[in-house]
Amino acid sequence: MDIAGYRFITLLVGVEAVVGVLLLLYVHYFKLEKLERYFEDNEIVQLNKLRWPGNLPMQKALRLGQIACFLAFPKSYIRLGDVSEQEIASVPVSLKRWVLWTGYFWLQIFIWMAVRFFLYEL
């Protein structure tokens, strides 16, 4: 491949990384509390809130990570008894999208990084 393709993919990954960080910060600071309201009776979410009670981005990311796993893989966590179907169903679709699409966006960034590596570094 030529240098133009290399620069394009590098620029694409850089721009997407900035947008991804902004999306994550938005979800952490404006959507996390709304999400946690739907899991007030959930033992795991409440334990995570006690373990990471602060407002630092890392603490919010750790709290959001568990809820994101519940929403991304609901059948597994329902089978384990970590979350109930009612809790998952009570979360509005728009709120689920904010959490899941942010994760998918970061997955796309890592895929582009892998494409760049395999096309230009190997």
PDB file of N, CA and C in Angstrom:
ATOM      1  N   MET A   1       0.846  -1.184   0.000  1.00  0.00           N
ATOM      2  CA  MET A   1       0.000   0.000   0.000  1.00  0.00           C
ATOM      3  C   MET A   1       0.890   1.245   0.000  1.00  0.00           C
ATOM      4  N   ASP A   2       0.308   2.325  -0.387  1.00  0.00           N
ATOM      5  CA  ASP A   2       1.079   3.557  -0.495  1.00  0.00           C
ATOM      6  C   ASP A   2       0.998   4.395   0.783  1.00  0.00           C
ATOM      7  N   ILE A   3       1.751   5.462   0.795  1.00  0.00           N
ATOM      8  CA  ILE A   3       1.833   6.314   1.977  1.00  0.00           C
ATOM      9  C   ILE A   3       0.530   7.081   2.217  1.00  0.00           C
ATOM     10  N   ALA A   4      -0.235   7.355   1.153  1.00  0.00           N
ATOM     11  CA  ALA A   4      -1.499   8.077   1.318  1.00  0.00           C
ATOM     12  C   ALA A   4      -2.495   7.246   2.121  1.00  0.00           C
ATOM     13  N   GLY A   5      -2.551   5.952   1.848  1.00  0.00           N
ATOM     14  CA  GLY A   5      -3.443   5.084   2.616  1.00  0.00           C
ATOM     15  C   GLY A   5      -3.033   4.996   4.067  1.00  0.00           C
ATOM     16  N   TYR A   6      -1.727   4.943   4.300  1.00  0.00           N
ATOM     17  CA  TYR A   6      -1.201   4.905   5.664  1.00  0.00           C
ATOM     18  C   TYR A   6      -1.594   6.168   6.421  1.00  0.00           C
ATOM     19  N   ARG A   7      -1.416   7.304   5.786  1.00  0.00           N
ATOM     20  CA  ARG A   7      -1.774   8.578   6.431  1.00  0.00           C
ATOM     21  C   ARG A   7      -3.272   8.675   6.662  1.00  0.00           C
ATOM     22  N   PHE A   8      -4.056   8.205   5.703  1.00  0.00           N
ATOM     23  CA  PHE A   8      -5.511   8.268   5.855  1.00  0.00           C
ATOM     24  C   PHE A   8      -5.968   7.445   7.049  1.00  0.00           C
ATOM     25  N   ILE A   9      -5.491   6.216   7.151  1.00  0.00           N
ATOM     26  CA  ILE A   9      -5.903   5.359   8.267  1.00  0.00           C
ATOM     27  C   ILE A   9      -5.411   5.933   9.593  1.00  0.00           C
ATOM     28  N   THR A  10      -4.198   6.475   9.615  1.00  0.00           N
ATOM     29  CA  THR A  10      -3.671   7.078  10.838  1.00  0.00           C
ATOM     30  C   THR A  10      -4.513   8.279  11.251  1.00  0.00           C
ATOM     31  N   LEU A  11      -4.860   9.131  10.297  1.00  0.00           N
ATOM     32  CA  LEU A  11      -5.706  10.285  10.586  1.00  0.00           C
ATOM     33  C   LEU A  11      -7.090   9.846  11.045  1.00  0.00           C
ATOM     34  N   LEU A  12      -7.639   8.830  10.388  1.00  0.00           N
ATOM     35  CA  LEU A  12      -8.954   8.312  10.762  1.00  0.00           C
ATOM     36  C   LEU A  12      -8.955   7.800  12.197  1.00  0.00           C
ATOM     37  N   VAL A  13      -7.945   7.040  12.561  1.00  0.00           N
ATOM     38  CA  VAL A  13      -7.850   6.510  13.926  1.00  0.00           C
ATOM     39  C   VAL A  13      -7.691   7.650  14.921  1.00  0.00           C
ATOM     40  N   GLY A  14      -6.899   8.653  14.592  1.00  0.00           N
ATOM     41  CA  GLY A  14      -6.700   9.782  15.494  1.00  0.00           C
ATOM     42  C   GLY A  14      -7.974  10.566  15.733  1.00  0.00           C
ATOM     43  N   VAL A  15      -8.703  10.858  14.667  1.00  0.00           N
ATOM     44  CA  VAL A  15      -9.964  11.597  14.807  1.00  0.00           C
ATOM     45  C   VAL A  15     -10.983  10.760  15.569  1.00  0.00           C
ATOM     46  N   GLU A  16     -11.074   9.485  15.246  1.00  0.00           N
ATOM     47  CA  GLU A  16     -12.027   8.624  15.948  1.00  0.00           C
ATOM     48  C   GLU A  16     -11.673   8.477  17.417  1.00  0.00           C
ATOM     49  N   ALA A  17     -10.393   8.487  17.753  1.00  0.00           N
ATOM     50  CA  ALA A  17      -9.998   8.384  19.160  1.00  0.00           C
ATOM     51  C   ALA A  17     -10.445   9.616  19.934  1.00  0.00           C
ATOM     52  N   VAL A  18     -10.294  10.797  19.343  1.00  0.00           N
ATOM     53  CA  VAL A  18     -10.746  12.025  20.011  1.00  0.00           C
ATOM     54  C   VAL A  18     -12.260  11.997  20.196  1.00  0.00           C
ATOM     55  N   VAL A  19     -12.985  11.630  19.151  1.00  0.00           N
ATOM     56  CA  VAL A  19     -14.445  11.540  19.249  1.00  0.00           C
ATOM     57  C   VAL A  19     -14.841  10.477  20.265  1.00  0.00           C
ATOM     58  N   GLY A  20     -14.121   9.362  20.290  1.00  0.00           N
ATOM     59  CA  GLY A  20     -14.415   8.296  21.245  1.00  0.00           C
ATOM     60  C   GLY A  20     -14.231   8.727  22.684  1.00  0.00           C
ATOM     61  N   VAL A  21     -13.172   9.476  22.956  1.00  0.00           N
ATOM     62  CA  VAL A  21     -12.950   9.981  24.318  1.00  0.00           C
ATOM     63  C   VAL A  21     -14.068  10.939  24.713  1.00  0.00           C
ATOM     64  N   LEU A  22     -14.461  11.809  23.796  1.00  0.00           N
ATOM     65  CA  LEU A  22     -15.554  12.738  24.096  1.00  0.00           C
ATOM     66  C   LEU A  22     -16.865  11.994  24.348  1.00  0.00           C
ATOM     67  N   LEU A  23     -17.139  10.964  23.556  1.00  0.00           N
ATOM     68  CA  LEU A  23     -18.343  10.152  23.776  1.00  0.00           C
ATOM     69  C   LEU A  23     -18.310   9.467  25.138  1.00  0.00           C
ATOM     70  N   LEU A  24     -17.169   8.896  25.487  1.00  0.00           N
ATOM     71  CA  LEU A  24     -17.052   8.227  26.786  1.00  0.00           C
ATOM     72  C   LEU A  24     -17.264   9.201  27.935  1.00  0.00           C
ATOM     73  N   LEU A  25     -16.658  10.370  27.848  1.00  0.00           N
ATOM     74  CA  LEU A  25     -16.838  11.353  28.914  1.00  0.00           C
ATOM     75  C   LEU A  25     -18.291  11.797  29.023  1.00  0.00           C
ATOM     76  N   TYR A  26     -18.952  11.960  27.879  1.00  0.00           N
ATOM     77  CA  TYR A  26     -20.364  12.337  27.905  1.00  0.00           C
ATOM     78  C   TYR A  26     -21.200  11.259  28.583  1.00  0.00           C
ATOM     79  N   VAL A  27     -20.970  10.009  28.212  1.00  0.00           N
ATOM     80  CA  VAL A  27     -21.731   8.906  28.816  1.00  0.00           C
ATOM     81  C   VAL A  27     -21.420   8.802  30.305  1.00  0.00           C
ATOM     82  N   HIS A  28     -20.159   8.965  30.682  1.00  0.00           N
ATOM     83  CA  HIS A  28     -19.786   8.866  32.100  1.00  0.00           C
ATOM     84  C   HIS A  28     -20.442   9.955  32.934  1.00  0.00           C
ATOM     85  N   TYR A  29     -20.464  11.171  32.434  1.00  0.00           N
ATOM     86  CA  TYR A  29     -20.918  12.290  33.255  1.00  0.00           C
ATOM     87  C   TYR A  29     -22.397  12.622  33.110  1.00  0.00           C
ATOM     88  N   PHE A  30     -23.055  12.179  32.038  1.00  0.00           N
ATOM     89  CA  PHE A  30     -24.456  12.539  31.857  1.00  0.00           C
ATOM     90  C   PHE A  30     -25.412  11.350  31.801  1.00  0.00           C
ATOM     91  N   LYS A  31     -24.928  10.165  31.529  1.00  0.00           N
ATOM     92  CA  LYS A  31     -25.820   9.010  31.384  1.00  0.00           C
ATOM     93  C   LYS A  31     -25.660   7.968  32.484  1.00  0.00           C
ATOM     94  N   LEU A  32     -24.528   7.954  33.174  1.00  0.00           N
ATOM     95  CA  LEU A  32     -24.262   6.906  34.161  1.00  0.00           C
ATOM     96  C   LEU A  32     -25.264   6.939  35.315  1.00  0.00           C
ATOM     97  N   GLU A  33     -25.543   8.110  35.848  1.00  0.00           N
ATOM     98  CA  GLU A  33     -26.482   8.192  36.971  1.00  0.00           C
ATOM     99  C   GLU A  33     -27.880   7.747  36.563  1.00  0.00           C
ATOM    100  N   LYS A  34     -28.289   8.088  35.347  1.00  0.00           N
ATOM    101  CA  LYS A  34     -29.591   7.630  34.854  1.00  0.00           C
ATOM    102  C   LYS A  34     -29.619   6.110  34.757  1.00  0.00           C
ATOM    103  N   LEU A  35     -28.527   5.533  34.270  1.00  0.00           N
ATOM    104  CA  LEU A  35     -28.443   4.075  34.167  1.00  0.00           C
ATOM    105  C   LEU A  35     -28.491   3.416  35.537  1.00  0.00           C
ATOM    106  N   GLU A  36     -27.773   3.982  36.488  1.00  0.00           N
ATOM    107  CA  GLU A  36     -27.712   3.373  37.819  1.00  0.00           C
ATOM    108  C   GLU A  36     -29.064   3.405  38.519  1.00  0.00           C
ATOM    109  N   ARG A  37     -29.913   4.338  38.158  1.00  0.00           N
ATOM    110  CA  ARG A  37     -31.259   4.373  38.755  1.00  0.00           C
ATOM    111  C   ARG A  37     -32.072   3.129  38.394  1.00  0.00           C
ATOM    112  N   TYR A  38     -31.831   2.566  37.226  1.00  0.00           N
ATOM    113  CA  TYR A  38     -32.571   1.376  36.807  1.00  0.00           C
ATOM    114  C   TYR A  38     -32.065   0.110  37.491  1.00  0.00           C
ATOM    115  N   PHE A  39     -30.917   0.199  38.135  1.00  0.00           N
ATOM    116  CA  PHE A  39     -30.334  -0.960  38.814  1.00  0.00           C
ATOM    117  C   PHE A  39     -30.195  -0.718  40.315  1.00  0.00           C
ATOM    118  N   GLU A  40     -31.135   0.019  40.902  1.00  0.00           N
ATOM    119  CA  GLU A  40     -31.050   0.340  42.332  1.00  0.00           C
ATOM    120  C   GLU A  40     -31.155  -0.889  43.219  1.00  0.00           C
ATOM    121  N   ASP A  41     -31.858  -1.920  42.776  1.00  0.00           N
ATOM    122  CA  ASP A  41     -32.017  -3.129  43.580  1.00  0.00           C
ATOM    123  C   ASP A  41     -30.969  -4.191  43.259  1.00  0.00           C
ATOM    124  N   ASN A  42     -30.083  -3.900  42.326  1.00  0.00           N
ATOM    125  CA  ASN A  42     -29.084  -4.880  41.920  1.00  0.00           C
ATOM    126  C   ASN A  42     -27.897  -4.837  42.872  1.00  0.00           C
ATOM    127  N   GLU A  43     -27.578  -5.992  43.418  1.00  0.00           N
ATOM    128  CA  GLU A  43     -26.507  -6.086  44.413  1.00  0.00           C
ATOM    129  C   GLU A  43     -25.139  -5.747  43.828  1.00  0.00           C
ATOM    130  N   ILE A  44     -24.870  -6.191  42.617  1.00  0.00           N
ATOM    131  CA  ILE A  44     -23.557  -5.975  42.003  1.00  0.00           C
ATOM    132  C   ILE A  44     -23.337  -4.498  41.686  1.00  0.00           C
ATOM    133  N   VAL A  45     -24.352  -3.844  41.132  1.00  0.00           N
ATOM    134  CA  VAL A  45     -24.219  -2.422  40.808  1.00  0.00           C
ATOM    135  C   VAL A  45     -24.037  -1.603  42.081  1.00  0.00           C
ATOM    136  N   GLN A  46     -24.775  -1.946  43.122  1.00  0.00           N
ATOM    137  CA  GLN A  46     -24.638  -1.207  44.382  1.00  0.00           C
ATOM    138  C   GLN A  46     -23.269  -1.442  45.015  1.00  0.00           C
ATOM    139  N   LEU A  47     -22.754  -2.654  44.906  1.00  0.00           N
ATOM    140  CA  LEU A  47     -21.410  -2.939  45.417  1.00  0.00           C
ATOM    141  C   LEU A  47     -20.356  -2.141  44.645  1.00  0.00           C
ATOM    142  N   ASN A  48     -20.534  -2.037  43.328  1.00  0.00           N
ATOM    143  CA  ASN A  48     -19.615  -1.237  42.520  1.00  0.00           C
ATOM    144  C   ASN A  48     -19.683   0.242  42.885  1.00  0.00           C
ATOM    145  N   LYS A  49     -20.882   0.726  43.201  1.00  0.00           N
ATOM    146  CA  LYS A  49     -21.013   2.128  43.619  1.00  0.00           C
ATOM    147  C   LYS A  49     -20.306   2.366  44.951  1.00  0.00           C
ATOM    148  N   LEU A  50     -20.321   1.370  45.836  1.00  0.00           N
ATOM    149  CA  LEU A  50     -19.607   1.504  47.109  1.00  0.00           C
ATOM    150  C   LEU A  50     -18.099   1.401  46.916  1.00  0.00           C
ATOM    151  N   ARG A  51     -17.681   0.539  46.017  1.00  0.00           N
ATOM    152  CA  ARG A  51     -16.259   0.315  45.786  1.00  0.00           C
ATOM    153  C   ARG A  51     -15.609   1.491  45.058  1.00  0.00           C
ATOM    154  N   TRP A  52     -16.331   2.089  44.097  1.00  0.00           N
ATOM    155  CA  TRP A  52     -15.813   3.214  43.318  1.00  0.00           C
ATOM    156  C   TRP A  52     -16.799   4.376  43.396  1.00  0.00           C
ATOM    157  N   PRO A  53     -16.843   5.069  44.535  1.00  0.00           N
ATOM    158  CA  PRO A  53     -17.883   6.075  44.739  1.00  0.00           C
ATOM    159  C   PRO A  53     -17.582   7.438  44.123  1.00  0.00           C
ATOM    160  N   GLY A  54     -16.379   7.694  43.669  1.00  0.00           N
ATOM    161  CA  GLY A  54     -15.972   9.030  43.265  1.00  0.00           C
ATOM    162  C   GLY A  54     -16.478   9.457  41.902  1.00  0.00           C
ATOM    163  N   ASN A  55     -16.057  10.662  41.528  1.00  0.00           N
ATOM    164  CA  ASN A  55     -16.443  11.236  40.246  1.00  0.00           C
ATOM    165  C   ASN A  55     -15.293  11.296  39.256  1.00  0.00           C
ATOM    166  N   LEU A  56     -14.205  10.616  39.549  1.00  0.00           N
ATOM    167  CA  LEU A  56     -13.099  10.578  38.601  1.00  0.00           C
ATOM    168  C   LEU A  56     -13.487   9.723  37.392  1.00  0.00           C
ATOM    169  N   PRO A  57     -12.969  10.052  36.202  1.00  0.00           N
ATOM    170  CA  PRO A  57     -13.339   9.284  35.011  1.00  0.00           C
ATOM    171  C   PRO A  57     -13.073   7.785  35.135  1.00  0.00           C
ATOM    172  N   MET A  58     -11.975   7.401  35.786  1.00  0.00           N
ATOM    173  CA  MET A  58     -11.665   5.974  35.933  1.00  0.00           C
ATOM    174  C   MET A  58     -12.700   5.274  36.806  1.00  0.00           C
ATOM    175  N   GLN A  59     -13.119   5.914  37.884  1.00  0.00           N
ATOM    176  CA  GLN A  59     -14.122   5.314  38.760  1.00  0.00           C
ATOM    177  C   GLN A  59     -15.460   5.190  38.046  1.00  0.00           C
ATOM    178  N   LYS A  60     -15.808   6.202  37.279  1.00  0.00           N
ATOM    179  CA  LYS A  60     -17.053   6.136  36.515  1.00  0.00           C
ATOM    180  C   LYS A  60     -16.966   5.060  35.431  1.00  0.00           C
ATOM    181  N   ALA A  61     -15.788   4.920  34.824  1.00  0.00           N
ATOM    182  CA  ALA A  61     -15.608   3.901  33.790  1.00  0.00           C
ATOM    183  C   ALA A  61     -15.768   2.506  34.370  1.00  0.00           C
ATOM    184  N   LEU A  62     -15.252   2.289  35.565  1.00  0.00           N
ATOM    185  CA  LEU A  62     -15.384   0.979  36.193  1.00  0.00           C
ATOM    186  C   LEU A  62     -16.842   0.680  36.534  1.00  0.00           C
ATOM    187  N   ARG A  63     -17.572   1.680  36.987  1.00  0.00           N
ATOM    188  CA  ARG A  63     -18.995   1.465  37.292  1.00  0.00           C
ATOM    189  C   ARG A  63     -19.803   1.239  36.016  1.00  0.00           C
ATOM    190  N   LEU A  64     -19.483   2.001  34.980  1.00  0.00           N
ATOM    191  CA  LEU A  64     -20.208   1.857  33.716  1.00  0.00           C
ATOM    192  C   LEU A  64     -19.879   0.539  33.030  1.00  0.00           C
ATOM    193  N   GLY A  65     -18.670   0.048  33.227  1.00  0.00           N
ATOM    194  CA  GLY A  65     -18.260  -1.193  32.580  1.00  0.00           C
ATOM    195  C   GLY A  65     -19.128  -2.374  32.952  1.00  0.00           C
ATOM    196  N   GLN A  66     -19.484  -2.478  34.219  1.00  0.00           N
ATOM    197  CA  GLN A  66     -20.333  -3.592  34.648  1.00  0.00           C
ATOM    198  C   GLN A  66     -21.724  -3.488  34.036  1.00  0.00           C
ATOM    199  N   ILE A  67     -22.285  -2.294  34.032  1.00  0.00           N
ATOM    200  CA  ILE A  67     -23.616  -2.112  33.448  1.00  0.00           C
ATOM    201  C   ILE A  67     -23.562  -2.362  31.941  1.00  0.00           C
ATOM    202  N   ALA A  68     -22.481  -1.940  31.292  1.00  0.00           N
ATOM    203  CA  ALA A  68     -22.335  -2.181  29.855  1.00  0.00           C
ATOM    204  C   ALA A  68     -22.281  -3.673  29.555  1.00  0.00           C
ATOM    205  N   CYS A  69     -21.617  -4.430  30.412  1.00  0.00           N
ATOM    206  CA  CYS A  69     -21.583  -5.891  30.228  1.00  0.00           C
ATOM    207  C   CYS A  69     -22.974  -6.489  30.397  1.00  0.00           C
ATOM    208  N   PHE A  70     -23.728  -5.997  31.370  1.00  0.00           N
ATOM    209  CA  PHE A  70     -25.105  -6.468  31.549  1.00  0.00           C
ATOM    210  C   PHE A  70     -25.920  -6.229  30.282  1.00  0.00           C
ATOM    211  N   LEU A  71     -25.756  -5.047  29.680  1.00  0.00           N
ATOM    212  CA  LEU A  71     -26.556  -4.694  28.510  1.00  0.00           C
ATOM    213  C   LEU A  71     -26.052  -5.368  27.234  1.00  0.00           C
ATOM    214  N   ALA A  72     -24.755  -5.622  27.143  1.00  0.00           N
ATOM    215  CA  ALA A  72     -24.197  -6.244  25.940  1.00  0.00           C
ATOM    216  C   ALA A  72     -24.436  -7.748  25.905  1.00  0.00           C
ATOM    217  N   PHE A  73     -24.393  -8.394  27.065  1.00  0.00           N
ATOM    218  CA  PHE A  73     -24.554  -9.847  27.151  1.00  0.00           C
ATOM    219  C   PHE A  73     -25.621 -10.197  28.189  1.00  0.00           C
ATOM    220  N   PRO A  74     -26.864  -9.808  27.965  1.00  0.00           N
ATOM    221  CA  PRO A  74     -27.876  -9.989  29.014  1.00  0.00           C
ATOM    222  C   PRO A  74     -28.170 -11.444  29.348  1.00  0.00           C
ATOM    223  N   LYS A  75     -28.194 -12.315  28.352  1.00  0.00           N
ATOM    224  CA  LYS A  75     -28.549 -13.715  28.629  1.00  0.00           C
ATOM    225  C   LYS A  75     -27.542 -14.383  29.557  1.00  0.00           C
ATOM    226  N   SER A  76     -26.274 -14.088  29.366  1.00  0.00           N
ATOM    227  CA  SER A  76     -25.242 -14.685  30.225  1.00  0.00           C
ATOM    228  C   SER A  76     -25.411 -14.251  31.671  1.00  0.00           C
ATOM    229  N   TYR A  77     -25.650 -12.970  31.874  1.00  0.00           N
ATOM    230  CA  TYR A  77     -25.762 -12.461  33.243  1.00  0.00           C
ATOM    231  C   TYR A  77     -27.096 -12.830  33.886  1.00  0.00           C
ATOM    232  N   ILE A  78     -28.132 -12.980  33.084  1.00  0.00           N
ATOM    233  CA  ILE A  78     -29.411 -13.457  33.627  1.00  0.00           C
ATOM    234  C   ILE A  78     -29.262 -14.907  34.069  1.00  0.00           C
ATOM    235  N   ARG A  79     -28.583 -15.712  33.257  1.00  0.00           N
ATOM    236  CA  ARG A  79     -28.360 -17.112  33.601  1.00  0.00           C
ATOM    237  C   ARG A  79     -27.535 -17.242  34.881  1.00  0.00           C
ATOM    238  N   LEU A  80     -26.557 -16.368  35.060  1.00  0.00           N
ATOM    239  CA  LEU A  80     -25.730 -16.390  36.271  1.00  0.00           C
ATOM    240  C   LEU A  80     -26.464 -15.836  37.493  1.00  0.00           C
ATOM    241  N   GLY A  81     -27.560 -15.129  37.264  1.00  0.00           N
ATOM    242  CA  GLY A  81     -28.319 -14.547  38.365  1.00  0.00           C
ATOM    243  C   GLY A  81     -27.801 -13.191  38.813  1.00  0.00           C
ATOM    244  N   ASP A  82     -26.918 -12.591  38.032  1.00  0.00           N
ATOM    245  CA  ASP A  82     -26.372 -11.287  38.399  1.00  0.00           C
ATOM    246  C   ASP A  82     -27.343 -10.148  38.134  1.00  0.00           C
ATOM    247  N   VAL A  83     -28.244 -10.332  37.191  1.00  0.00           N
ATOM    248  CA  VAL A  83     -29.211  -9.302  36.826  1.00  0.00           C
ATOM    249  C   VAL A  83     -30.504 -10.002  36.433  1.00  0.00           C
ATOM    250  N   SER A  84     -31.620  -9.314  36.581  1.00  0.00           N
ATOM    251  CA  SER A  84     -32.904  -9.919  36.220  1.00  0.00           C
ATOM    252  C   SER A  84     -33.371  -9.385  34.865  1.00  0.00           C
ATOM    253  N   GLU A  85     -34.275 -10.120  34.255  1.00  0.00           N
ATOM    254  CA  GLU A  85     -34.829  -9.683  32.972  1.00  0.00           C
ATOM    255  C   GLU A  85     -35.578  -8.372  33.118  1.00  0.00           C
ATOM    256  N   GLN A  86     -36.229  -8.175  34.260  1.00  0.00           N
ATOM    257  CA  GLN A  86     -36.985  -6.945  34.495  1.00  0.00           C
ATOM    258  C   GLN A  86     -36.056  -5.731  34.545  1.00  0.00           C
ATOM    259  N   GLU A  87     -34.891  -5.901  35.156  1.00  0.00           N
ATOM    260  CA  GLU A  87     -33.941  -4.784  35.214  1.00  0.00           C
ATOM    261  C   GLU A  87     -33.436  -4.419  33.820  1.00  0.00           C
ATOM    262  N   ILE A  88     -33.123  -5.424  33.030  1.00  0.00           N
ATOM    263  CA  ILE A  88     -32.650  -5.167  31.664  1.00  0.00           C
ATOM    264  C   ILE A  88     -33.763  -4.544  30.830  1.00  0.00           C
ATOM    265  N   ALA A  89     -34.977  -5.063  30.966  1.00  0.00           N
ATOM    266  CA  ALA A  89     -36.101  -4.551  30.180  1.00  0.00           C
ATOM    267  C   ALA A  89     -36.505  -3.144  30.603  1.00  0.00           C
ATOM    268  N   SER A  90     -36.213  -2.762  31.835  1.00  0.00           N
ATOM    269  CA  SER A  90     -36.629  -1.443  32.308  1.00  0.00           C
ATOM    270  C   SER A  90     -35.760  -0.315  31.744  1.00  0.00           C
ATOM    271  N   VAL A  91     -34.578  -0.640  31.256  1.00  0.00           N
ATOM    272  CA  VAL A  91     -33.687   0.390  30.706  1.00  0.00           C
ATOM    273  C   VAL A  91     -34.200   0.787  29.323  1.00  0.00           C
ATOM    274  N   PRO A  92     -34.427   2.077  29.081  1.00  0.00           N
ATOM    275  CA  PRO A  92     -34.910   2.510  27.763  1.00  0.00           C
ATOM    276  C   PRO A  92     -33.892   2.208  26.660  1.00  0.00           C
ATOM    277  N   VAL A  93     -34.405   1.980  25.489  1.00  0.00           N
ATOM    278  CA  VAL A  93     -33.558   1.626  24.349  1.00  0.00           C
ATOM    279  C   VAL A  93     -32.556   2.745  24.047  1.00  0.00           C
ATOM    280  N   SER A  94     -32.978   3.988  24.164  1.00  0.00           N
ATOM    281  CA  SER A  94     -32.064   5.096  23.861  1.00  0.00           C
ATOM    282  C   SER A  94     -30.875   5.115  24.817  1.00  0.00           C
ATOM    283  N   LEU A  95     -31.104   4.779  26.074  1.00  0.00           N
ATOM    284  CA  LEU A  95     -30.013   4.738  27.047  1.00  0.00           C
ATOM    285  C   LEU A  95     -29.091   3.545  26.781  1.00  0.00           C
ATOM    286  N   LYS A  96     -29.674   2.413  26.381  1.00  0.00           N
ATOM    287  CA  LYS A  96     -28.855   1.250  26.011  1.00  0.00           C
ATOM    288  C   LYS A  96     -27.949   1.588  24.828  1.00  0.00           C
ATOM    289  N   ARG A  97     -28.495   2.329  23.871  1.00  0.00           N
ATOM    290  CA  ARG A  97     -27.712   2.683  22.687  1.00  0.00           C
ATOM    291  C   ARG A  97     -26.510   3.541  23.041  1.00  0.00           C
ATOM    292  N   TRP A  98     -26.691   4.491  23.950  1.00  0.00           N
ATOM    293  CA  TRP A  98     -25.563   5.335  24.344  1.00  0.00           C
ATOM    294  C   TRP A  98     -24.425   4.493  24.892  1.00  0.00           C
ATOM    295  N   VAL A  99     -24.754   3.510  25.687  1.00  0.00           N
ATOM    296  CA  VAL A  99     -23.717   2.675  26.303  1.00  0.00           C
ATOM    297  C   VAL A  99     -23.108   1.731  25.276  1.00  0.00           C
ATOM    298  N   LEU A 100     -23.938   1.043  24.522  1.00  0.00           N
ATOM    299  CA  LEU A 100     -23.437   0.019  23.604  1.00  0.00           C
ATOM    300  C   LEU A 100     -22.734   0.622  22.393  1.00  0.00           C
ATOM    301  N   TRP A 101     -23.267   1.680  21.833  1.00  0.00           N
ATOM    302  CA  TRP A 101     -22.654   2.265  20.644  1.00  0.00           C
ATOM    303  C   TRP A 101     -21.303   2.877  20.954  1.00  0.00           C
ATOM    304  N   THR A 102     -21.136   3.400  22.161  1.00  0.00           N
ATOM    305  CA  THR A 102     -19.820   3.910  22.536  1.00  0.00           C
ATOM    306  C   THR A 102     -18.801   2.772  22.553  1.00  0.00           C
ATOM    307  N   GLY A 103     -19.199   1.629  23.083  1.00  0.00           N
ATOM    308  CA  GLY A 103     -18.309   0.461  23.077  1.00  0.00           C
ATOM    309  C   GLY A 103     -18.021  -0.032  21.677  1.00  0.00           C
ATOM    310  N   TYR A 104     -19.041  -0.050  20.822  1.00  0.00           N
ATOM    311  CA  TYR A 104     -18.836  -0.475  19.442  1.00  0.00           C
ATOM    312  C   TYR A 104     -17.924   0.500  18.697  1.00  0.00           C
ATOM    313  N   PHE A 105     -18.045   1.776  19.018  1.00  0.00           N
ATOM    314  CA  PHE A 105     -17.198   2.785  18.396  1.00  0.00           C
ATOM    315  C   PHE A 105     -15.733   2.527  18.729  1.00  0.00           C
ATOM    316  N   TRP A 106     -15.454   2.213  19.987  1.00  0.00           N
ATOM    317  CA  TRP A 106     -14.074   1.905  20.374  1.00  0.00           C
ATOM    318  C   TRP A 106     -13.600   0.604  19.747  1.00  0.00           C
ATOM    319  N   LEU A 107     -14.483  -0.354  19.582  1.00  0.00           N
ATOM    320  CA  LEU A 107     -14.115  -1.595  18.903  1.00  0.00           C
ATOM    321  C   LEU A 107     -13.695  -1.304  17.464  1.00  0.00           C
ATOM    322  N   GLN A 108     -14.418  -0.417  16.799  1.00  0.00           N
ATOM    323  CA  GLN A 108     -14.076  -0.031  15.436  1.00  0.00           C
ATOM    324  C   GLN A 108     -12.698   0.631  15.388  1.00  0.00           C
ATOM    325  N   ILE A 109     -12.381   1.458  16.370  1.00  0.00           N
ATOM    326  CA  ILE A 109     -11.061   2.097  16.409  1.00  0.00           C
ATOM    327  C   ILE A 109      -9.964   1.040  16.487  1.00  0.00           C
ATOM    328  N   PHE A 110     -10.149   0.050  17.353  1.00  0.00           N
ATOM    329  CA  PHE A 110      -9.133  -0.993  17.481  1.00  0.00           C
ATOM    330  C   PHE A 110      -9.032  -1.845  16.221  1.00  0.00           C
ATOM    331  N   ILE A 111     -10.132  -2.045  15.532  1.00  0.00           N
ATOM    332  CA  ILE A 111     -10.087  -2.783  14.265  1.00  0.00           C
ATOM    333  C   ILE A 111      -9.284  -1.998  13.228  1.00  0.00           C
ATOM    334  N   TRP A 112      -9.520  -0.672  13.136  1.00  0.00           N
ATOM    335  CA  TRP A 112      -8.749   0.148  12.202  1.00  0.00           C
ATOM    336  C   TRP A 112      -7.268   0.142  12.559  1.00  0.00           C
ATOM    337  N   MET A 113      -6.947   0.137  13.851  1.00  0.00           N
ATOM    338  CA  MET A 113      -5.542   0.069  14.265  1.00  0.00           C
ATOM    339  C   MET A 113      -4.917  -1.252  13.822  1.00  0.00           C
ATOM    340  N   ALA A 114      -5.672  -2.340  13.930  1.00  0.00           N
ATOM    341  CA  ALA A 114      -5.167  -3.643  13.499  1.00  0.00           C
ATOM    342  C   ALA A 114      -4.985  -3.678  11.986  1.00  0.00           C
ATOM    343  N   VAL A 115      -5.941  -3.104  11.245  1.00  0.00           N
ATOM    344  CA  VAL A 115      -5.822  -3.050   9.785  1.00  0.00           C
ATOM    345  C   VAL A 115      -4.569  -2.275   9.399  1.00  0.00           C
ATOM    346  N   ARG A 116      -4.367  -1.140  10.045  1.00  0.00           N
ATOM    347  CA  ARG A 116      -3.178  -0.327   9.766  1.00  0.00           C
ATOM    348  C   ARG A 116      -1.909  -1.123  10.052  1.00  0.00           C
ATOM    349  N   PHE A 117      -1.885  -1.829  11.154  1.00  0.00           N
ATOM    350  CA  PHE A 117      -0.696  -2.602  11.511  1.00  0.00           C
ATOM    351  C   PHE A 117      -0.423  -3.698  10.489  1.00  0.00           C
ATOM    352  N   PHE A 118      -1.454  -4.465  10.144  1.00  0.00           N
ATOM    353  CA  PHE A 118      -1.238  -5.596   9.246  1.00  0.00           C
ATOM    354  C   PHE A 118      -0.946  -5.161   7.816  1.00  0.00           C
ATOM    355  N   LEU A 119      -1.488  -4.023   7.387  1.00  0.00           N
ATOM    356  CA  LEU A 119      -1.220  -3.565   6.028  1.00  0.00           C
ATOM    357  C   LEU A 119       0.145  -2.909   5.886  1.00  0.00           C
ATOM    358  N   TYR A 120       0.587  -2.208   6.915  1.00  0.00           N
ATOM    359  CA  TYR A 120       1.775  -1.370   6.745  1.00  0.00           C
ATOM    360  C   TYR A 120       2.975  -1.782   7.582  1.00  0.00           C
ATOM    361  N   GLU A 121       2.777  -2.554   8.615  1.00  0.00           N
ATOM    362  CA  GLU A 121       3.900  -2.908   9.471  1.00  0.00           C
ATOM    363  C   GLU A 121       4.438  -4.305   9.178  1.00  0.00           C
ATOM    364  N   LEU A 122       3.620  -5.176   8.648  1.00  0.00           N
ATOM    365  CA  LEU A 122       4.081  -6.545   8.382  1.00  0.00           C
ATOM    366  C   LEU A 122       4.649  -6.691   6.993  1.00  0.00           C
TER     367      LEU A 122
END
